[in-house]
Amino acid sequence: MPISAKTFSLGVKGGVTLSTLSFKGDFADNFSSDNRAGFFIGPMLNAKLPLGFNIDAAVMYARETVNYDNEQGGTSDNRNLIDVPLNLRWQVSLANVIGIYLSAGPDFSFNVGDIDNIENFIKGSLDQQGVDSSSLESQTKTLSMGVGVGAGVVLFNHLNIGFNYIFPIDYTYKYVLEDMGMEFSSKAKRWQISAAYIF
């Protein structure tokens, strides 16, 4: 099919994130996590396909707060990410004034910072339980993958307001006690409200 200049459109996307952690493995019952807010912003590209389908991709800076709690207290760290969502969208519009869409696709998050407060908190928590934490090793992934599903509205073919949920495919953080052969991990689940303007 011939490609016209109207096939591809550039835009900017931003919004807020509400994220929480779920835990699995040894010592997982000792920790919990509260919902914490964050934000994301960056450029996006939209490509039109036949039958009302679109592909949109974005490269965004995201900042989220990671929270760990136990019976003695809690701590948190800021999580800095380069987030790359890639979504297939199906859209229905009414007279180019208002439309609705459904979307789904993979989400790739590249971790660009450390969470030293969390690691120190875990060590202190294990020491309080009489567990030697000297061999604790963080195996935090540089790349975390998830799958996002969402829906939203489109106003005047330019303004997109959406709601999205991203569930992780694999762990986000893992901690290993090598001397004891024990480990536990956590996954970051995210709810997002976004606004995007496509030029």
Protein backbone atom coordinates (compact mmCIF):
# COMPACT_ATOMS: atom_id res chain seq x y z
CA MET A 1 0.00 0.00 0.00
CA PRO A 2 1.27 3.52 -0.71
CA ILE A 3 2.41 5.46 2.37
CA SER A 4 1.25 9.07 2.62
CA ALA A 5 2.39 11.83 4.93
CA LYS A 6 -0.89 11.44 6.84
CA THR A 7 -0.05 7.85 7.80
CA PHE A 8 2.38 8.90 10.52
CA SER A 9 1.77 11.57 13.17
CA LEU A 10 3.95 12.85 15.98
CA GLY A 11 2.75 13.84 19.41
CA VAL A 12 3.60 14.25 23.07
CA LYS A 13 2.28 12.09 25.90
CA GLY A 14 2.28 12.44 29.67
CA GLY A 15 0.40 11.39 32.75
CA VAL A 16 0.42 9.95 36.24
CA THR A 17 1.13 6.43 37.46
CA LEU A 18 -0.07 4.59 40.53
CA SER A 19 2.20 1.62 41.22
CA THR A 20 2.48 -1.10 43.85
CA LEU A 21 4.61 -4.20 44.38
CA SER A 22 3.67 -7.84 44.83
CA PHE A 23 6.13 -10.25 46.47
CA LYS A 24 7.07 -13.88 45.92
CA GLY A 25 9.60 -16.32 47.38
CA ASP A 26 11.45 -16.71 50.70
CA PHE A 27 10.69 -13.93 53.22
CA ALA A 28 8.00 -12.54 50.90
CA ASP A 29 5.43 -12.64 53.73
CA ASN A 30 7.62 -10.23 55.72
CA PHE A 31 7.08 -7.35 53.29
CA SER A 32 4.20 -5.38 51.82
CA SER A 33 3.83 -2.34 49.59
CA ASP A 34 1.51 0.66 49.39
CA ASN A 35 0.28 2.38 46.25
CA ARG A 36 2.61 5.22 45.27
CA ALA A 37 2.26 7.93 42.64
CA GLY A 38 4.64 8.88 39.84
CA PHE A 39 4.63 10.54 36.42
CA PHE A 40 5.79 10.04 32.83
CA ILE A 41 6.29 12.27 29.79
CA GLY A 42 7.80 12.04 26.32
CA PRO A 43 7.31 12.03 22.53
CA MET A 44 5.11 9.55 20.71
CA LEU A 45 4.50 8.32 17.17
CA ASN A 46 1.14 7.22 15.78
CA ALA A 47 0.75 5.17 12.58
CA LYS A 48 -2.68 4.70 10.97
CA LEU A 49 -3.69 1.29 9.65
CA PRO A 50 -6.81 0.16 7.79
CA LEU A 51 -10.14 -0.73 9.49
CA GLY A 52 -9.71 1.77 12.33
CA PHE A 53 -6.49 0.29 13.71
CA ASN A 54 -3.48 2.34 14.82
CA ILE A 55 -0.04 1.59 16.16
CA ASP A 56 1.36 4.03 18.66
CA ALA A 57 4.75 4.01 20.30
CA ALA A 58 6.39 6.36 22.77
CA VAL A 59 9.75 6.92 24.44
CA MET A 60 9.15 8.49 27.83
CA TYR A 61 11.00 9.41 30.97
CA ALA A 62 9.15 7.94 33.97
CA ARG A 63 9.67 8.49 37.67
CA GLU A 64 7.96 6.19 40.12
CA THR A 65 8.20 5.57 43.85
CA VAL A 66 8.94 2.05 45.09
CA ASN A 67 7.77 1.28 48.64
CA TYR A 68 8.65 -1.55 51.04
CA ASP A 69 6.94 -1.99 54.44
CA ASN A 70 7.25 -4.44 57.30
CA GLU A 71 6.03 -4.60 60.90
CA GLN A 72 8.78 -2.24 62.09
CA GLY A 73 8.24 0.47 59.48
CA GLY A 74 9.02 1.13 55.86
CA THR A 75 11.11 2.94 53.29
CA SER A 76 10.87 4.06 49.69
CA ASP A 77 13.05 4.89 46.71
CA ASN A 78 12.53 6.75 43.47
CA ARG A 79 12.62 4.53 40.39
CA ASN A 80 13.90 6.28 37.24
CA LEU A 81 12.94 4.66 33.95
CA ILE A 82 13.00 5.04 30.21
CA ASP A 83 9.61 3.59 29.32
CA VAL A 84 8.84 2.37 25.78
CA PRO A 85 5.21 1.25 25.28
CA LEU A 86 4.12 -0.17 21.92
CA ASN A 87 0.36 -0.50 21.46
CA LEU A 88 -2.05 -1.73 18.84
CA ARG A 89 -5.22 0.38 19.00
CA TRP A 90 -8.66 0.00 17.55
CA GLN A 91 -10.57 3.25 17.29
CA VAL A 92 -14.09 4.30 16.36
CA SER A 93 -14.85 7.98 15.72
CA LEU A 94 -18.05 9.96 15.31
CA ALA A 95 -17.85 12.78 12.76
CA ASN A 96 -14.20 13.45 13.65
CA VAL A 97 -15.38 15.03 16.91
CA ILE A 98 -15.20 12.28 19.50
CA GLY A 99 -14.03 8.69 19.44
CA ILE A 100 -13.24 5.78 21.71
CA TYR A 101 -10.37 3.32 21.53
CA LEU A 102 -9.13 0.05 23.00
CA SER A 103 -5.43 -0.73 23.15
CA ALA A 104 -3.04 -3.52 24.06
CA GLY A 105 0.66 -4.20 23.66
CA PRO A 106 4.06 -4.75 25.27
CA ASP A 107 5.75 -2.27 27.57
CA PHE A 108 9.54 -2.10 27.94
CA SER A 109 10.97 -0.29 30.98
CA PHE A 110 14.70 0.40 31.20
CA ASN A 111 15.89 1.05 34.75
CA VAL A 112 18.36 3.96 34.86
CA GLY A 113 18.84 4.31 38.63
CA ASP A 114 19.60 2.42 41.83
CA ILE A 115 17.33 1.82 44.83
CA ASP A 116 19.91 1.61 47.62
CA ASN A 117 17.42 2.57 50.36
CA ILE A 118 15.35 -0.53 49.60
CA GLU A 119 18.34 -2.88 49.69
CA ASN A 120 19.54 -1.47 53.01
CA PHE A 121 16.02 -1.74 54.42
CA ILE A 122 15.81 -5.42 53.42
CA LYS A 123 19.18 -6.15 55.02
CA GLY A 124 18.10 -4.49 58.25
CA SER A 125 14.79 -6.35 58.26
CA LEU A 126 16.50 -9.73 57.80
CA ASP A 127 19.06 -8.94 60.50
CA GLN A 128 16.21 -8.16 62.92
CA GLN A 129 14.88 -11.67 62.28
CA GLY A 130 18.26 -13.22 63.05
CA VAL A 131 19.05 -13.93 59.39
CA ASP A 132 22.60 -13.19 58.23
CA SER A 133 22.16 -10.70 55.37
CA SER A 134 25.87 -10.27 54.57
CA SER A 135 25.54 -12.36 51.37
CA LEU A 136 22.44 -10.48 50.12
CA GLU A 137 22.81 -9.67 46.43
CA SER A 138 20.52 -7.50 44.35
CA GLN A 139 19.67 -8.84 40.88
CA THR A 140 17.51 -5.94 39.73
CA LYS A 141 16.82 -6.13 36.01
CA THR A 142 17.94 -3.37 33.69
CA LEU A 143 15.00 -4.21 31.41
CA SER A 144 11.56 -5.05 32.77
CA MET A 145 8.77 -6.20 30.45
CA GLY A 146 5.04 -5.98 30.89
CA VAL A 147 1.79 -6.05 28.94
CA GLY A 148 -0.48 -3.05 28.90
CA VAL A 149 -4.23 -2.97 28.23
CA GLY A 150 -6.29 0.19 28.12
CA ALA A 151 -9.10 2.31 26.79
CA GLY A 152 -9.74 5.97 26.21
CA VAL A 153 -11.41 8.77 24.30
CA VAL A 154 -10.21 10.87 21.37
CA LEU A 155 -11.35 14.47 20.96
CA PHE A 156 -11.20 16.21 17.57
CA ASN A 157 -8.70 13.60 16.29
CA HIS A 158 -5.90 15.19 18.33
CA LEU A 159 -6.41 14.94 22.10
CA ASN A 160 -6.25 11.43 23.58
CA ILE A 161 -7.22 10.76 27.19
CA GLY A 162 -6.67 7.19 28.33
CA PHE A 163 -6.60 4.74 31.21
CA ASN A 164 -4.08 1.90 31.17
CA TYR A 165 -3.06 -1.06 33.32
CA ILE A 166 0.37 -2.67 32.95
CA PHE A 167 0.94 -6.07 34.48
CA PRO A 168 4.51 -7.41 34.66
CA ILE A 169 5.65 -10.53 32.83
CA ASP A 170 8.60 -11.22 35.13
CA TYR A 171 10.06 -9.89 38.37
CA THR A 172 11.19 -6.30 38.63
CA TYR A 173 13.52 -6.74 41.60
CA LYS A 174 15.16 -9.88 42.98
CA TYR A 175 17.28 -10.36 46.11
CA VAL A 176 19.34 -13.48 46.69
CA LEU A 177 20.96 -14.79 49.86
CA GLU A 178 23.69 -16.82 48.18
CA ASP A 179 25.07 -18.45 51.34
CA MET A 180 21.62 -19.77 52.26
CA GLY A 181 20.31 -20.52 48.78
CA MET A 182 17.27 -18.32 49.37
CA GLU A 183 15.70 -15.56 47.32
CA PHE A 184 12.62 -13.42 46.95
CA SER A 185 11.41 -11.03 44.29
CA SER A 186 8.89 -8.30 43.64
CA LYS A 187 6.85 -7.20 40.62
CA ALA A 188 5.71 -3.66 39.88
CA LYS A 189 2.08 -3.35 38.82
CA ARG A 190 1.06 0.01 37.35
CA TRP A 191 -2.15 1.93 36.71
CA GLN A 192 -1.82 4.94 34.41
CA ILE A 193 -3.93 7.93 33.43
CA SER A 194 -2.53 9.66 30.35
CA ALA A 195 -3.15 12.59 28.05
CA ALA A 196 -1.59 12.78 24.59
CA TYR A 197 -1.76 15.39 21.89
CA ILE A 198 -1.13 14.22 18.34
CA PHE A 199 -0.16 16.97 15.91
